[in-house]
Amino acid sequence: MITPMKGLRKLANTKLKDPLERSIVLHDRTWFGNILTVHPEMAEVRPLVEQAVRKPFEIRYSRSDEACRIYFGLGDQPTAIIMVVADVTLGLVKTAHFAKRVSGGAMEWSR
């Protein structure tokens, strides 16, 4: 069983809908067991990760996995970008982290 990191409260799985009406879930096990383990700097920005899927400024195809899309949203600083990778076939977030620039494959959607 995955437990939250010390000092962080457990959150519920979050059901999200992207601009193309796809349902995507950010699971607690992904948030605590993957994202925060590898990217602890994301601890305070979960609402921005969720917002990046709900209201991204751009969605790109993944170059490495045809089932995945890369969502780009605004971070907590003027030049910060949040990048979320989601498997749109399975409907789940795989990872999220800060990015320095928009990257990935071809654009699928843009604001």
N, C-alpha and C. Protein backbone atom coordinates (compact mmCIF):
# COMPACT_ATOMS: atom_id res chain seq x y z
N MET A 1 0.83 -1.18 0.00
CA MET A 1 0.00 0.00 0.00
C MET A 1 0.87 1.24 0.00
N ILE A 2 0.51 2.20 -0.80
CA ILE A 2 1.26 3.45 -0.89
C ILE A 2 0.71 4.40 0.17
N THR A 3 1.58 4.99 0.93
CA THR A 3 1.16 5.95 1.94
C THR A 3 1.68 7.33 1.56
N PRO A 4 0.97 8.37 1.96
CA PRO A 4 1.43 9.71 1.65
C PRO A 4 2.77 10.00 2.31
N MET A 5 3.53 10.89 1.69
CA MET A 5 4.80 11.29 2.27
C MET A 5 4.52 12.03 3.57
N LYS A 6 5.42 11.94 4.51
CA LYS A 6 5.25 12.57 5.80
C LYS A 6 4.94 14.06 5.63
N GLY A 7 3.94 14.53 6.34
CA GLY A 7 3.57 15.92 6.30
C GLY A 7 2.58 16.28 5.21
N LEU A 8 2.26 15.33 4.33
CA LEU A 8 1.30 15.60 3.27
C LEU A 8 0.01 14.84 3.55
N ARG A 9 -1.11 15.52 3.37
CA ARG A 9 -2.37 14.84 3.62
C ARG A 9 -2.79 14.04 2.40
N LYS A 10 -3.49 12.96 2.66
CA LYS A 10 -3.98 12.11 1.57
C LYS A 10 -5.13 12.81 0.87
N LEU A 11 -5.11 12.80 -0.43
CA LEU A 11 -6.17 13.40 -1.24
C LEU A 11 -6.93 12.30 -1.96
N ALA A 12 -8.10 12.62 -2.42
CA ALA A 12 -8.88 11.64 -3.16
C ALA A 12 -8.42 11.61 -4.62
N ASN A 13 -8.67 10.48 -5.28
CA ASN A 13 -8.45 10.43 -6.72
C ASN A 13 -9.26 11.57 -7.35
N THR A 14 -8.71 12.20 -8.36
CA THR A 14 -9.38 13.34 -8.98
C THR A 14 -9.78 12.99 -10.40
N LYS A 15 -11.07 13.12 -10.68
CA LYS A 15 -11.59 12.88 -12.03
C LYS A 15 -11.54 14.20 -12.79
N LEU A 16 -10.91 14.18 -13.94
CA LEU A 16 -10.71 15.38 -14.75
C LEU A 16 -11.33 15.17 -16.12
N LYS A 17 -11.68 16.27 -16.78
CA LYS A 17 -12.18 16.23 -18.15
C LYS A 17 -11.35 17.24 -18.94
N ASP A 18 -10.70 16.76 -20.02
CA ASP A 18 -9.86 17.67 -20.80
C ASP A 18 -10.72 18.44 -21.82
N PRO A 19 -10.15 19.42 -22.53
CA PRO A 19 -10.94 20.21 -23.48
C PRO A 19 -11.54 19.40 -24.63
N LEU A 20 -11.03 18.21 -24.86
CA LEU A 20 -11.56 17.34 -25.91
C LEU A 20 -12.55 16.33 -25.34
N GLU A 21 -13.00 16.60 -24.10
CA GLU A 21 -14.02 15.80 -23.41
C GLU A 21 -13.57 14.39 -23.03
N ARG A 22 -12.25 14.18 -22.92
CA ARG A 22 -11.74 12.89 -22.47
C ARG A 22 -11.71 12.88 -20.94
N SER A 23 -12.11 11.77 -20.36
CA SER A 23 -12.05 11.60 -18.90
C SER A 23 -10.69 11.06 -18.52
N ILE A 24 -10.05 11.72 -17.57
CA ILE A 24 -8.71 11.34 -17.11
C ILE A 24 -8.70 11.42 -15.60
N VAL A 25 -8.14 10.41 -14.95
CA VAL A 25 -8.09 10.37 -13.50
C VAL A 25 -6.65 10.56 -13.02
N LEU A 26 -6.49 11.42 -12.03
CA LEU A 26 -5.22 11.55 -11.32
C LEU A 26 -5.38 10.74 -10.04
N HIS A 27 -4.79 9.55 -10.02
CA HIS A 27 -4.90 8.65 -8.87
C HIS A 27 -3.95 9.07 -7.76
N ASP A 28 -4.42 8.89 -6.53
CA ASP A 28 -3.56 9.13 -5.37
C ASP A 28 -2.27 8.33 -5.45
N ARG A 29 -2.38 7.08 -5.88
CA ARG A 29 -1.19 6.23 -5.94
C ARG A 29 -0.17 6.80 -6.94
N THR A 30 -0.64 7.44 -8.00
CA THR A 30 0.27 8.07 -8.95
C THR A 30 0.86 9.34 -8.34
N TRP A 31 0.02 10.13 -7.68
CA TRP A 31 0.49 11.38 -7.08
C TRP A 31 1.57 11.12 -6.03
N PHE A 32 1.26 10.25 -5.07
CA PHE A 32 2.19 10.00 -3.97
C PHE A 32 3.28 9.00 -4.32
N GLY A 33 2.94 7.97 -5.09
CA GLY A 33 3.89 6.90 -5.37
C GLY A 33 4.82 7.15 -6.54
N ASN A 34 4.46 8.08 -7.42
CA ASN A 34 5.28 8.34 -8.59
C ASN A 34 5.69 9.81 -8.64
N ILE A 35 4.71 10.70 -8.81
CA ILE A 35 5.03 12.11 -9.05
C ILE A 35 5.81 12.71 -7.90
N LEU A 36 5.31 12.61 -6.68
CA LEU A 36 6.02 13.24 -5.55
C LEU A 36 7.31 12.51 -5.18
N THR A 37 7.39 11.23 -5.47
CA THR A 37 8.62 10.49 -5.20
C THR A 37 9.76 10.98 -6.09
N VAL A 38 9.45 11.20 -7.36
CA VAL A 38 10.46 11.62 -8.33
C VAL A 38 10.58 13.15 -8.40
N HIS A 39 9.47 13.84 -8.18
CA HIS A 39 9.44 15.31 -8.31
C HIS A 39 8.83 15.94 -7.06
N PRO A 40 9.53 15.91 -5.93
CA PRO A 40 8.97 16.45 -4.68
C PRO A 40 8.63 17.93 -4.76
N GLU A 41 9.21 18.65 -5.71
CA GLU A 41 8.91 20.08 -5.88
C GLU A 41 7.46 20.31 -6.32
N MET A 42 6.76 19.25 -6.69
CA MET A 42 5.37 19.36 -7.14
C MET A 42 4.37 19.31 -5.98
N ALA A 43 4.84 19.10 -4.76
CA ALA A 43 3.96 18.86 -3.61
C ALA A 43 2.87 19.91 -3.43
N GLU A 44 3.18 21.16 -3.66
CA GLU A 44 2.21 22.23 -3.41
C GLU A 44 1.40 22.63 -4.64
N VAL A 45 1.62 22.00 -5.77
CA VAL A 45 0.98 22.47 -7.00
C VAL A 45 -0.01 21.46 -7.62
N ARG A 46 -0.51 20.54 -6.82
CA ARG A 46 -1.48 19.59 -7.38
C ARG A 46 -2.66 20.30 -8.07
N PRO A 47 -3.21 21.38 -7.51
CA PRO A 47 -4.30 22.05 -8.22
C PRO A 47 -3.88 22.55 -9.61
N LEU A 48 -2.63 22.95 -9.76
CA LEU A 48 -2.15 23.40 -11.07
C LEU A 48 -1.95 22.23 -12.02
N VAL A 49 -1.59 21.07 -11.49
CA VAL A 49 -1.49 19.86 -12.31
C VAL A 49 -2.88 19.50 -12.85
N GLU A 50 -3.87 19.54 -11.97
CA GLU A 50 -5.24 19.25 -12.38
C GLU A 50 -5.72 20.27 -13.41
N GLN A 51 -5.40 21.54 -13.19
CA GLN A 51 -5.78 22.61 -14.10
C GLN A 51 -5.12 22.44 -15.47
N ALA A 52 -3.89 21.91 -15.49
CA ALA A 52 -3.18 21.69 -16.75
C ALA A 52 -3.92 20.69 -17.64
N VAL A 53 -4.64 19.76 -17.04
CA VAL A 53 -5.43 18.81 -17.82
C VAL A 53 -6.78 19.42 -18.19
N ARG A 54 -7.42 20.07 -17.23
CA ARG A 54 -8.75 20.67 -17.48
C ARG A 54 -8.70 21.83 -18.47
N LYS A 55 -7.71 22.71 -18.29
CA LYS A 55 -7.62 23.93 -19.10
C LYS A 55 -6.17 24.18 -19.54
N PRO A 56 -5.62 23.28 -20.33
CA PRO A 56 -4.23 23.47 -20.78
C PRO A 56 -4.16 24.61 -21.79
N PHE A 57 -2.96 25.10 -22.02
CA PHE A 57 -2.82 26.04 -23.13
C PHE A 57 -2.41 25.29 -24.39
N GLU A 58 -1.96 24.02 -24.21
CA GLU A 58 -1.60 23.21 -25.37
C GLU A 58 -1.60 21.73 -25.00
N ILE A 59 -1.99 20.89 -25.95
CA ILE A 59 -1.90 19.43 -25.81
C ILE A 59 -1.10 18.93 -27.00
N ARG A 60 -0.11 18.09 -26.72
CA ARG A 60 0.72 17.51 -27.79
C ARG A 60 0.69 15.99 -27.70
N TYR A 61 0.93 15.37 -28.84
CA TYR A 61 1.09 13.91 -28.87
C TYR A 61 2.45 13.56 -28.28
N SER A 62 2.50 12.42 -27.60
CA SER A 62 3.77 11.92 -27.11
C SER A 62 4.53 11.30 -28.28
N ARG A 63 5.82 11.50 -28.31
CA ARG A 63 6.65 10.87 -29.35
C ARG A 63 6.93 9.41 -29.04
N SER A 64 6.85 9.04 -27.76
CA SER A 64 7.25 7.69 -27.36
C SER A 64 6.08 6.73 -27.11
N ASP A 65 4.85 7.25 -26.99
CA ASP A 65 3.71 6.38 -26.70
C ASP A 65 2.47 6.97 -27.37
N GLU A 66 1.96 6.29 -28.37
CA GLU A 66 0.83 6.83 -29.14
C GLU A 66 -0.44 6.99 -28.32
N ALA A 67 -0.55 6.30 -27.18
CA ALA A 67 -1.72 6.43 -26.32
C ALA A 67 -1.62 7.64 -25.39
N CYS A 68 -0.46 8.26 -25.32
CA CYS A 68 -0.24 9.35 -24.38
C CYS A 68 -0.30 10.73 -25.03
N ARG A 69 -0.76 11.68 -24.23
CA ARG A 69 -0.75 13.08 -24.61
C ARG A 69 0.00 13.86 -23.54
N ILE A 70 0.57 14.97 -23.95
CA ILE A 70 1.30 15.84 -23.03
C ILE A 70 0.51 17.14 -22.92
N TYR A 71 0.09 17.44 -21.72
CA TYR A 71 -0.69 18.64 -21.43
C TYR A 71 0.24 19.69 -20.84
N PHE A 72 0.12 20.91 -21.31
CA PHE A 72 0.94 22.01 -20.80
C PHE A 72 0.03 23.06 -20.18
N GLY A 73 0.34 23.40 -18.94
CA GLY A 73 -0.42 24.41 -18.22
C GLY A 73 0.51 25.39 -17.55
N LEU A 74 -0.06 26.43 -17.00
CA LEU A 74 0.72 27.46 -16.32
C LEU A 74 1.12 27.00 -14.93
N GLY A 75 2.35 27.36 -14.55
CA GLY A 75 2.87 27.00 -13.23
C GLY A 75 2.60 28.07 -12.21
N ASP A 76 3.32 28.01 -11.11
CA ASP A 76 3.12 28.93 -9.99
C ASP A 76 3.98 30.19 -10.08
N GLN A 77 4.77 30.32 -11.12
CA GLN A 77 5.60 31.50 -11.38
C GLN A 77 5.32 31.94 -12.82
N PRO A 78 5.59 33.21 -13.14
CA PRO A 78 5.28 33.71 -14.49
C PRO A 78 5.87 32.90 -15.64
N THR A 79 7.05 32.34 -15.45
CA THR A 79 7.68 31.58 -16.54
C THR A 79 7.59 30.06 -16.33
N ALA A 80 6.89 29.63 -15.31
CA ALA A 80 6.80 28.19 -15.00
C ALA A 80 5.75 27.51 -15.88
N ILE A 81 6.10 26.33 -16.35
CA ILE A 81 5.20 25.51 -17.15
C ILE A 81 5.04 24.17 -16.44
N ILE A 82 3.81 23.71 -16.35
CA ILE A 82 3.54 22.38 -15.80
C ILE A 82 3.25 21.46 -16.97
N MET A 83 3.93 20.32 -16.96
CA MET A 83 3.77 19.32 -18.01
C MET A 83 3.15 18.07 -17.38
N VAL A 84 2.05 17.61 -17.94
CA VAL A 84 1.36 16.42 -17.44
C VAL A 84 1.29 15.42 -18.58
N VAL A 85 1.72 14.19 -18.32
CA VAL A 85 1.63 13.12 -19.30
C VAL A 85 0.47 12.22 -18.88
N ALA A 86 -0.47 12.02 -19.80
CA ALA A 86 -1.63 11.19 -19.51
C ALA A 86 -1.84 10.17 -20.63
N ASP A 87 -2.21 8.97 -20.23
CA ASP A 87 -2.60 7.94 -21.18
C ASP A 87 -4.08 8.14 -21.45
N VAL A 88 -4.43 8.64 -22.62
CA VAL A 88 -5.83 8.95 -22.92
C VAL A 88 -6.64 7.71 -23.26
N THR A 89 -5.97 6.60 -23.58
CA THR A 89 -6.68 5.34 -23.83
C THR A 89 -7.15 4.74 -22.50
N LEU A 90 -6.27 4.73 -21.51
CA LEU A 90 -6.62 4.22 -20.19
C LEU A 90 -7.31 5.28 -19.33
N GLY A 91 -7.15 6.54 -19.69
CA GLY A 91 -7.77 7.62 -18.95
C GLY A 91 -7.11 7.90 -17.62
N LEU A 92 -5.76 7.98 -17.62
CA LEU A 92 -5.07 8.24 -16.35
C LEU A 92 -3.80 9.06 -16.55
N VAL A 93 -3.51 9.85 -15.52
CA VAL A 93 -2.28 10.62 -15.49
C VAL A 93 -1.14 9.67 -15.16
N LYS A 94 -0.05 9.76 -15.91
CA LYS A 94 1.13 8.93 -15.66
C LYS A 94 2.18 9.67 -14.85
N THR A 95 2.41 10.95 -15.17
CA THR A 95 3.40 11.73 -14.43
C THR A 95 3.14 13.22 -14.67
N ALA A 96 3.81 14.04 -13.88
CA ALA A 96 3.73 15.49 -14.03
C ALA A 96 4.99 16.10 -13.45
N HIS A 97 5.44 17.18 -14.04
CA HIS A 97 6.60 17.89 -13.52
C HIS A 97 6.68 19.27 -14.15
N PHE A 98 7.58 20.09 -13.64
CA PHE A 98 7.81 21.40 -14.25
C PHE A 98 8.63 21.21 -15.52
N ALA A 99 8.39 22.05 -16.50
CA ALA A 99 9.12 22.01 -17.76
C ALA A 99 9.67 23.40 -18.06
N LYS A 100 10.78 23.45 -18.76
CA LYS A 100 11.37 24.72 -19.14
C LYS A 100 10.76 25.26 -20.43
N ARG A 101 10.24 24.34 -21.25
CA ARG A 101 9.65 24.74 -22.52
C ARG A 101 8.64 23.69 -22.96
N VAL A 102 7.84 24.05 -23.93
CA VAL A 102 6.88 23.12 -24.52
C VAL A 102 7.65 22.20 -25.46
N SER A 103 7.41 20.91 -25.34
CA SER A 103 8.09 19.93 -26.19
C SER A 103 7.16 18.75 -26.43
N GLY A 104 7.61 17.83 -27.24
CA GLY A 104 6.81 16.66 -27.54
C GLY A 104 6.60 16.54 -29.03
N GLY A 105 5.61 15.79 -29.39
CA GLY A 105 5.31 15.57 -30.80
C GLY A 105 4.42 16.67 -31.35
N ALA A 106 3.66 16.32 -32.36
CA ALA A 106 2.78 17.27 -33.03
C ALA A 106 1.70 17.77 -32.09
N MET A 107 1.26 18.99 -32.34
CA MET A 107 0.20 19.58 -31.53
C MET A 107 -1.13 18.91 -31.84
N GLU A 108 -1.84 18.54 -30.79
CA GLU A 108 -3.19 17.99 -30.96
C GLU A 108 -4.25 19.07 -30.75
N TRP A 109 -4.01 19.98 -29.82
CA TRP A 109 -4.98 21.01 -29.47
C TRP A 109 -4.26 22.21 -28.89
N SER A 110 -4.80 23.40 -29.13
CA SER A 110 -4.22 24.62 -28.57
C SER A 110 -5.34 25.58 -28.22
N ARG A 111 -5.15 26.34 -27.16
CA ARG A 111 -6.14 27.31 -26.72
C ARG A 111 -6.31 28.40 -27.73
